[in-house]
Amino acid sequence: MKRFFPLLIVLLLALSCSHSGGRVIPERTLVKIYADMALADKWIELNHDLRAQADTSMVYEAIFAKYGYNTEDYLKSVRYYMDKPDDFSYIVEKAKNRLGKKAREYNVLEQKFYDEENKRKQQEMMDIRKVDD
């Protein structure tokens, strides 16, 4: 996540001068795209052996395609929302909130898994003790 936002800012600045076609991605969809981009960046960061091979532009293109868009659409959207800083701020904040919600959901699922695993192990220990008695 720390690498995502500086990368995003550099990308925005680099692309702000470019004028290509494409469609503007709606705010709600762009929130999902940014959240997925951050998750992809984190995954690449955590997988050290793949980091050198990873081309984020290819990863991002797959994310855009997931929502029915392409890089050209994304670039047009960036230019559009750069002219609307309040809207862009809203999108980034919503993406951050979405990531936080997903993290909380993941933590709940992980805790349930560990609770179930502990229950299973306790039951196995009780079964072993019964056999030993």
N, C-alpha and C. Protein backbone atom coordinates (compact mmCIF):
# COMPACT_ATOMS: atom_id res chain seq x y z
N MET A 1 0.82 -1.18 0.00
CA MET A 1 0.00 0.00 0.00
C MET A 1 0.87 1.24 0.00
N LYS A 2 2.00 1.19 0.71
CA LYS A 2 2.89 2.34 0.76
C LYS A 2 3.43 2.65 -0.63
N ARG A 3 3.69 1.61 -1.42
CA ARG A 3 4.22 1.82 -2.77
C ARG A 3 3.13 2.23 -3.75
N PHE A 4 1.90 1.85 -3.50
CA PHE A 4 0.81 2.08 -4.44
C PHE A 4 0.54 3.56 -4.66
N PHE A 5 0.37 4.32 -3.59
CA PHE A 5 -0.03 5.71 -3.75
C PHE A 5 1.08 6.58 -4.35
N PRO A 6 2.35 6.42 -3.98
CA PRO A 6 3.38 7.19 -4.69
C PRO A 6 3.43 6.80 -6.17
N LEU A 7 3.29 5.52 -6.47
CA LEU A 7 3.27 5.06 -7.85
C LEU A 7 2.08 5.68 -8.58
N LEU A 8 0.95 5.73 -7.92
CA LEU A 8 -0.25 6.32 -8.49
C LEU A 8 -0.03 7.79 -8.81
N ILE A 9 0.58 8.52 -7.90
CA ILE A 9 0.83 9.95 -8.11
C ILE A 9 1.77 10.16 -9.30
N VAL A 10 2.84 9.38 -9.36
CA VAL A 10 3.77 9.50 -10.48
C VAL A 10 3.06 9.18 -11.79
N LEU A 11 2.26 8.12 -11.78
CA LEU A 11 1.52 7.75 -12.97
C LEU A 11 0.56 8.86 -13.39
N LEU A 12 -0.11 9.43 -12.42
CA LEU A 12 -1.05 10.52 -12.72
C LEU A 12 -0.34 11.72 -13.32
N LEU A 13 0.77 12.09 -12.75
CA LEU A 13 1.53 13.23 -13.27
C LEU A 13 2.06 12.95 -14.67
N ALA A 14 2.56 11.77 -14.87
CA ALA A 14 3.12 11.41 -16.18
C ALA A 14 2.05 11.39 -17.26
N LEU A 15 0.87 11.00 -16.86
CA LEU A 15 -0.20 10.83 -17.84
C LEU A 15 -1.07 12.07 -18.02
N SER A 16 -0.91 13.02 -17.14
CA SER A 16 -1.79 14.19 -17.19
C SER A 16 -1.61 15.00 -18.48
N CYS A 17 -0.46 14.88 -19.12
CA CYS A 17 -0.22 15.60 -20.36
C CYS A 17 -0.71 14.85 -21.59
N SER A 18 -0.93 13.58 -21.46
CA SER A 18 -1.34 12.75 -22.58
C SER A 18 -2.84 12.93 -22.85
N HIS A 19 -3.23 12.93 -24.12
CA HIS A 19 -4.64 13.10 -24.48
C HIS A 19 -5.05 12.01 -25.44
N SER A 20 -5.61 10.95 -24.92
CA SER A 20 -6.04 9.85 -25.79
C SER A 20 -7.54 9.66 -25.63
N GLY A 21 -8.08 8.72 -26.39
CA GLY A 21 -9.51 8.42 -26.32
C GLY A 21 -9.83 7.63 -25.07
N GLY A 22 -10.89 6.85 -25.17
CA GLY A 22 -11.29 6.03 -24.03
C GLY A 22 -12.53 6.57 -23.36
N ARG A 23 -13.01 5.79 -22.42
CA ARG A 23 -14.21 6.15 -21.67
C ARG A 23 -13.81 6.52 -20.24
N VAL A 24 -14.61 7.37 -19.61
CA VAL A 24 -14.38 7.69 -18.20
C VAL A 24 -15.03 6.59 -17.37
N ILE A 25 -14.24 6.01 -16.49
CA ILE A 25 -14.71 4.95 -15.61
C ILE A 25 -15.50 5.60 -14.47
N PRO A 26 -16.70 5.12 -14.19
CA PRO A 26 -17.49 5.69 -13.10
C PRO A 26 -16.77 5.55 -11.74
N GLU A 27 -17.05 6.48 -10.85
CA GLU A 27 -16.39 6.50 -9.54
C GLU A 27 -16.47 5.16 -8.83
N ARG A 28 -17.65 4.57 -8.76
CA ARG A 28 -17.83 3.32 -8.00
C ARG A 28 -16.94 2.21 -8.55
N THR A 29 -16.82 2.16 -9.86
CA THR A 29 -15.98 1.13 -10.48
C THR A 29 -14.50 1.45 -10.27
N LEU A 30 -14.15 2.72 -10.38
CA LEU A 30 -12.76 3.11 -10.19
C LEU A 30 -12.29 2.82 -8.77
N VAL A 31 -13.19 2.95 -7.80
CA VAL A 31 -12.86 2.58 -6.42
C VAL A 31 -12.45 1.12 -6.36
N LYS A 32 -13.22 0.26 -7.00
CA LYS A 32 -12.91 -1.18 -7.00
C LYS A 32 -11.59 -1.45 -7.73
N ILE A 33 -11.38 -0.74 -8.83
CA ILE A 33 -10.14 -0.92 -9.60
C ILE A 33 -8.94 -0.52 -8.76
N TYR A 34 -9.01 0.63 -8.09
CA TYR A 34 -7.88 1.07 -7.27
C TYR A 34 -7.62 0.11 -6.11
N ALA A 35 -8.67 -0.41 -5.52
CA ALA A 35 -8.50 -1.38 -4.43
C ALA A 35 -7.80 -2.64 -4.97
N ASP A 36 -8.24 -3.11 -6.13
CA ASP A 36 -7.61 -4.29 -6.73
C ASP A 36 -6.15 -4.01 -7.11
N MET A 37 -5.88 -2.81 -7.60
CA MET A 37 -4.50 -2.45 -7.95
C MET A 37 -3.62 -2.48 -6.70
N ALA A 38 -4.13 -1.97 -5.60
CA ALA A 38 -3.35 -1.98 -4.35
C ALA A 38 -3.09 -3.40 -3.88
N LEU A 39 -4.10 -4.25 -3.98
CA LEU A 39 -3.93 -5.66 -3.60
C LEU A 39 -2.91 -6.35 -4.51
N ALA A 40 -2.96 -6.05 -5.80
CA ALA A 40 -2.00 -6.65 -6.73
C ALA A 40 -0.58 -6.18 -6.40
N ASP A 41 -0.43 -4.90 -6.09
CA ASP A 41 0.89 -4.37 -5.72
C ASP A 41 1.41 -5.08 -4.47
N LYS A 42 0.54 -5.27 -3.50
CA LYS A 42 0.94 -5.92 -2.26
C LYS A 42 1.33 -7.37 -2.51
N TRP A 43 0.55 -8.05 -3.34
CA TRP A 43 0.85 -9.44 -3.66
C TRP A 43 2.22 -9.55 -4.33
N ILE A 44 2.48 -8.66 -5.28
CA ILE A 44 3.78 -8.66 -5.97
C ILE A 44 4.90 -8.38 -4.96
N GLU A 45 4.66 -7.43 -4.07
CA GLU A 45 5.66 -7.09 -3.06
C GLU A 45 5.97 -8.27 -2.14
N LEU A 46 4.95 -9.04 -1.77
CA LEU A 46 5.13 -10.16 -0.85
C LEU A 46 5.71 -11.40 -1.51
N ASN A 47 5.61 -11.50 -2.81
CA ASN A 47 6.15 -12.64 -3.55
C ASN A 47 7.47 -12.22 -4.18
N HIS A 48 8.50 -12.23 -3.35
CA HIS A 48 9.82 -11.74 -3.75
C HIS A 48 10.34 -12.41 -5.01
N ASP A 49 10.11 -13.71 -5.15
CA ASP A 49 10.64 -14.42 -6.31
C ASP A 49 9.96 -13.98 -7.61
N LEU A 50 8.76 -13.45 -7.53
CA LEU A 50 8.05 -13.01 -8.73
C LEU A 50 8.19 -11.51 -8.98
N ARG A 51 8.67 -10.79 -7.98
CA ARG A 51 8.73 -9.34 -8.08
C ARG A 51 9.54 -8.88 -9.30
N ALA A 52 10.67 -9.51 -9.55
CA ALA A 52 11.51 -9.10 -10.68
C ALA A 52 10.84 -9.37 -12.01
N GLN A 53 9.99 -10.39 -12.06
CA GLN A 53 9.32 -10.76 -13.30
C GLN A 53 8.03 -9.98 -13.53
N ALA A 54 7.50 -9.38 -12.47
CA ALA A 54 6.18 -8.75 -12.54
C ALA A 54 6.22 -7.46 -13.35
N ASP A 55 5.32 -7.37 -14.28
CA ASP A 55 5.12 -6.15 -15.05
C ASP A 55 3.76 -5.62 -14.63
N THR A 56 3.76 -4.59 -13.80
CA THR A 56 2.49 -4.11 -13.25
C THR A 56 1.54 -3.63 -14.33
N SER A 57 2.06 -3.16 -15.45
CA SER A 57 1.15 -2.72 -16.51
C SER A 57 0.31 -3.89 -17.02
N MET A 58 0.92 -5.08 -17.08
CA MET A 58 0.16 -6.25 -17.50
C MET A 58 -0.83 -6.66 -16.41
N VAL A 59 -0.41 -6.57 -15.18
CA VAL A 59 -1.29 -6.90 -14.07
C VAL A 59 -2.47 -5.93 -14.05
N TYR A 60 -2.18 -4.65 -14.20
CA TYR A 60 -3.24 -3.65 -14.18
C TYR A 60 -4.19 -3.82 -15.36
N GLU A 61 -3.66 -4.17 -16.52
CA GLU A 61 -4.53 -4.37 -17.69
C GLU A 61 -5.55 -5.47 -17.41
N ALA A 62 -5.12 -6.52 -16.72
CA ALA A 62 -6.04 -7.60 -16.36
C ALA A 62 -7.11 -7.09 -15.38
N ILE A 63 -6.72 -6.21 -14.48
CA ILE A 63 -7.69 -5.64 -13.53
C ILE A 63 -8.70 -4.77 -14.29
N PHE A 64 -8.21 -3.94 -15.20
CA PHE A 64 -9.12 -3.10 -15.98
C PHE A 64 -10.11 -3.98 -16.75
N ALA A 65 -9.59 -5.04 -17.36
CA ALA A 65 -10.43 -5.94 -18.16
C ALA A 65 -11.50 -6.62 -17.30
N LYS A 66 -11.15 -6.92 -16.06
CA LYS A 66 -12.11 -7.55 -15.14
C LYS A 66 -13.38 -6.71 -15.01
N TYR A 67 -13.23 -5.40 -15.11
CA TYR A 67 -14.37 -4.48 -14.96
C TYR A 67 -14.87 -3.96 -16.31
N GLY A 68 -14.33 -4.50 -17.41
CA GLY A 68 -14.80 -4.12 -18.73
C GLY A 68 -14.14 -2.87 -19.30
N TYR A 69 -12.95 -2.55 -18.83
CA TYR A 69 -12.24 -1.36 -19.29
C TYR A 69 -10.84 -1.74 -19.75
N ASN A 70 -10.11 -0.75 -20.26
CA ASN A 70 -8.73 -0.98 -20.69
C ASN A 70 -7.86 0.19 -20.23
N THR A 71 -6.60 0.13 -20.56
CA THR A 71 -5.66 1.17 -20.12
C THR A 71 -6.07 2.54 -20.65
N GLU A 72 -6.52 2.59 -21.88
CA GLU A 72 -6.94 3.86 -22.47
C GLU A 72 -8.09 4.47 -21.65
N ASP A 73 -9.04 3.65 -21.24
CA ASP A 73 -10.15 4.12 -20.41
C ASP A 73 -9.63 4.64 -19.07
N TYR A 74 -8.70 3.89 -18.51
CA TYR A 74 -8.13 4.29 -17.22
C TYR A 74 -7.42 5.64 -17.34
N LEU A 75 -6.64 5.81 -18.39
CA LEU A 75 -5.91 7.07 -18.57
C LEU A 75 -6.86 8.25 -18.76
N LYS A 76 -7.91 8.03 -19.52
CA LYS A 76 -8.91 9.10 -19.70
C LYS A 76 -9.57 9.42 -18.36
N SER A 77 -9.83 8.39 -17.57
CA SER A 77 -10.45 8.60 -16.26
C SER A 77 -9.54 9.37 -15.33
N VAL A 78 -8.25 9.04 -15.37
CA VAL A 78 -7.28 9.75 -14.54
C VAL A 78 -7.28 11.23 -14.89
N ARG A 79 -7.22 11.54 -16.18
CA ARG A 79 -7.24 12.95 -16.60
C ARG A 79 -8.54 13.62 -16.15
N TYR A 80 -9.64 12.93 -16.31
CA TYR A 80 -10.94 13.50 -15.95
C TYR A 80 -11.00 13.82 -14.45
N TYR A 81 -10.61 12.85 -13.63
CA TYR A 81 -10.71 13.05 -12.18
C TYR A 81 -9.61 13.96 -11.64
N MET A 82 -8.51 14.11 -12.36
CA MET A 82 -7.47 15.05 -11.93
C MET A 82 -8.01 16.48 -11.96
N ASP A 83 -8.95 16.75 -12.84
CA ASP A 83 -9.58 18.06 -12.91
C ASP A 83 -10.66 18.24 -11.84
N LYS A 84 -10.95 17.18 -11.12
CA LYS A 84 -11.96 17.19 -10.06
C LYS A 84 -11.34 16.62 -8.79
N PRO A 85 -10.47 17.41 -8.13
CA PRO A 85 -9.71 16.87 -7.00
C PRO A 85 -10.59 16.34 -5.87
N ASP A 86 -11.74 16.95 -5.63
CA ASP A 86 -12.61 16.44 -4.57
C ASP A 86 -13.14 15.05 -4.92
N ASP A 87 -13.52 14.88 -6.18
CA ASP A 87 -13.99 13.56 -6.62
C ASP A 87 -12.88 12.53 -6.55
N PHE A 88 -11.68 12.95 -6.97
CA PHE A 88 -10.55 12.02 -6.95
C PHE A 88 -10.20 11.63 -5.52
N SER A 89 -10.22 12.60 -4.62
CA SER A 89 -9.97 12.32 -3.20
C SER A 89 -10.99 11.33 -2.66
N TYR A 90 -12.23 11.54 -3.04
CA TYR A 90 -13.32 10.65 -2.62
C TYR A 90 -13.04 9.22 -3.10
N ILE A 91 -12.64 9.09 -4.36
CA ILE A 91 -12.36 7.76 -4.93
C ILE A 91 -11.24 7.07 -4.17
N VAL A 92 -10.16 7.80 -3.92
CA VAL A 92 -9.02 7.20 -3.21
C VAL A 92 -9.42 6.82 -1.78
N GLU A 93 -10.17 7.67 -1.12
CA GLU A 93 -10.62 7.38 0.25
C GLU A 93 -11.53 6.16 0.28
N LYS A 94 -12.43 6.07 -0.68
CA LYS A 94 -13.33 4.91 -0.75
C LYS A 94 -12.54 3.63 -1.03
N ALA A 95 -11.53 3.71 -1.88
CA ALA A 95 -10.69 2.54 -2.16
C ALA A 95 -9.97 2.10 -0.89
N LYS A 96 -9.47 3.07 -0.15
CA LYS A 96 -8.80 2.77 1.13
C LYS A 96 -9.78 2.12 2.10
N ASN A 97 -11.00 2.63 2.18
CA ASN A 97 -12.02 2.05 3.06
C ASN A 97 -12.38 0.63 2.62
N ARG A 98 -12.45 0.43 1.31
CA ARG A 98 -12.77 -0.90 0.77
C ARG A 98 -11.69 -1.90 1.16
N LEU A 99 -10.44 -1.48 1.06
CA LEU A 99 -9.33 -2.35 1.46
C LEU A 99 -9.38 -2.66 2.95
N GLY A 100 -9.71 -1.66 3.76
CA GLY A 100 -9.84 -1.87 5.20
C GLY A 100 -10.94 -2.87 5.51
N LYS A 101 -12.06 -2.75 4.82
CA LYS A 101 -13.18 -3.67 5.03
C LYS A 101 -12.78 -5.09 4.63
N LYS A 102 -12.10 -5.23 3.50
CA LYS A 102 -11.65 -6.55 3.06
C LYS A 102 -10.65 -7.14 4.06
N ALA A 103 -9.79 -6.30 4.61
CA ALA A 103 -8.82 -6.78 5.60
C ALA A 103 -9.54 -7.29 6.85
N ARG A 104 -10.56 -6.56 7.28
CA ARG A 104 -11.32 -7.00 8.46
C ARG A 104 -12.04 -8.31 8.18
N GLU A 105 -12.64 -8.44 7.00
CA GLU A 105 -13.32 -9.68 6.63
C GLU A 105 -12.34 -10.84 6.60
N TYR A 106 -11.18 -10.60 6.03
CA TYR A 106 -10.15 -11.64 5.98
C TYR A 106 -9.74 -12.05 7.39
N ASN A 107 -9.55 -11.08 8.26
CA ASN A 107 -9.14 -11.38 9.64
C ASN A 107 -10.19 -12.21 10.36
N VAL A 108 -11.46 -11.93 10.13
CA VAL A 108 -12.54 -12.71 10.74
C VAL A 108 -12.49 -14.15 10.22
N LEU A 109 -12.35 -14.30 8.91
CA LEU A 109 -12.28 -15.65 8.33
C LEU A 109 -11.05 -16.41 8.83
N GLU A 110 -9.93 -15.70 8.91
CA GLU A 110 -8.71 -16.34 9.41
C GLU A 110 -8.90 -16.79 10.85
N GLN A 111 -9.52 -15.97 11.68
CA GLN A 111 -9.76 -16.33 13.07
C GLN A 111 -10.69 -17.54 13.18
N LYS A 112 -11.72 -17.57 12.35
CA LYS A 112 -12.63 -18.72 12.34
C LYS A 112 -11.88 -19.99 11.96
N PHE A 113 -11.01 -19.88 10.96
CA PHE A 113 -10.22 -21.03 10.55
C PHE A 113 -9.37 -21.54 11.70
N TYR A 114 -8.67 -20.63 12.38
CA TYR A 114 -7.81 -21.04 13.49
C TYR A 114 -8.63 -21.58 14.65
N ASP A 115 -9.79 -21.01 14.91
CA ASP A 115 -10.66 -21.53 15.97
C ASP A 115 -11.10 -22.96 15.65
N GLU A 116 -11.53 -23.19 14.40
CA GLU A 116 -11.95 -24.52 13.99
C GLU A 116 -10.79 -25.51 14.06
N GLU A 117 -9.62 -25.06 13.63
CA GLU A 117 -8.43 -25.91 13.67
C GLU A 117 -8.08 -26.28 15.11
N ASN A 118 -8.16 -25.30 16.01
CA ASN A 118 -7.88 -25.58 17.43
C ASN A 118 -8.91 -26.53 18.03
N LYS A 119 -10.18 -26.36 17.67
CA LYS A 119 -11.22 -27.27 18.15
C LYS A 119 -10.95 -28.69 17.67
N ARG A 120 -10.57 -28.82 16.40
CA ARG A 120 -10.28 -30.13 15.83
C ARG A 120 -9.10 -30.78 16.57
N LYS A 121 -8.06 -30.01 16.83
CA LYS A 121 -6.89 -30.54 17.53
C LYS A 121 -7.24 -30.93 18.97
N GLN A 122 -8.05 -30.13 19.64
CA GLN A 122 -8.46 -30.46 21.00
C GLN A 122 -9.27 -31.75 21.01
N GLN A 123 -10.15 -31.90 20.02
CA GLN A 123 -10.96 -33.11 19.93
C GLN A 123 -10.06 -34.33 19.69
N GLU A 124 -9.06 -34.18 18.84
CA GLU A 124 -8.12 -35.28 18.59
C GLU A 124 -7.40 -35.66 19.87
N MET A 125 -6.97 -34.67 20.65
CA MET A 125 -6.28 -34.94 21.91
C MET A 125 -7.20 -35.67 22.88
N MET A 126 -8.46 -35.24 22.93
CA MET A 126 -9.41 -35.90 23.82
C MET A 126 -9.64 -37.35 23.38
N ASP A 127 -9.71 -37.56 22.07
CA ASP A 127 -9.91 -38.91 21.54
C ASP A 127 -8.70 -39.79 21.87
N ILE A 128 -7.50 -39.23 21.76
CA ILE A 128 -6.29 -39.98 22.08
C ILE A 128 -6.26 -40.34 23.56
N ARG A 129 -6.67 -39.42 24.40
CA ARG A 129 -6.71 -39.69 25.86
C ARG A 129 -7.71 -40.78 26.19
N LYS A 130 -8.85 -40.80 25.50
CA LYS A 130 -9.86 -41.82 25.74
C LYS A 130 -9.30 -43.19 25.38
N VAL A 131 -8.57 -43.26 24.28
CA VAL A 131 -7.98 -44.53 23.84
C VAL A 131 -6.95 -44.99 24.85
N ASP A 132 -6.16 -44.06 25.39
CA ASP A 132 -5.11 -44.38 26.35
C ASP A 132 -5.70 -44.85 27.69
N ASP A 133 -6.88 -44.42 28.03
CA ASP A 133 -7.48 -44.80 29.32
C ASP A 133 -7.97 -46.19 29.34
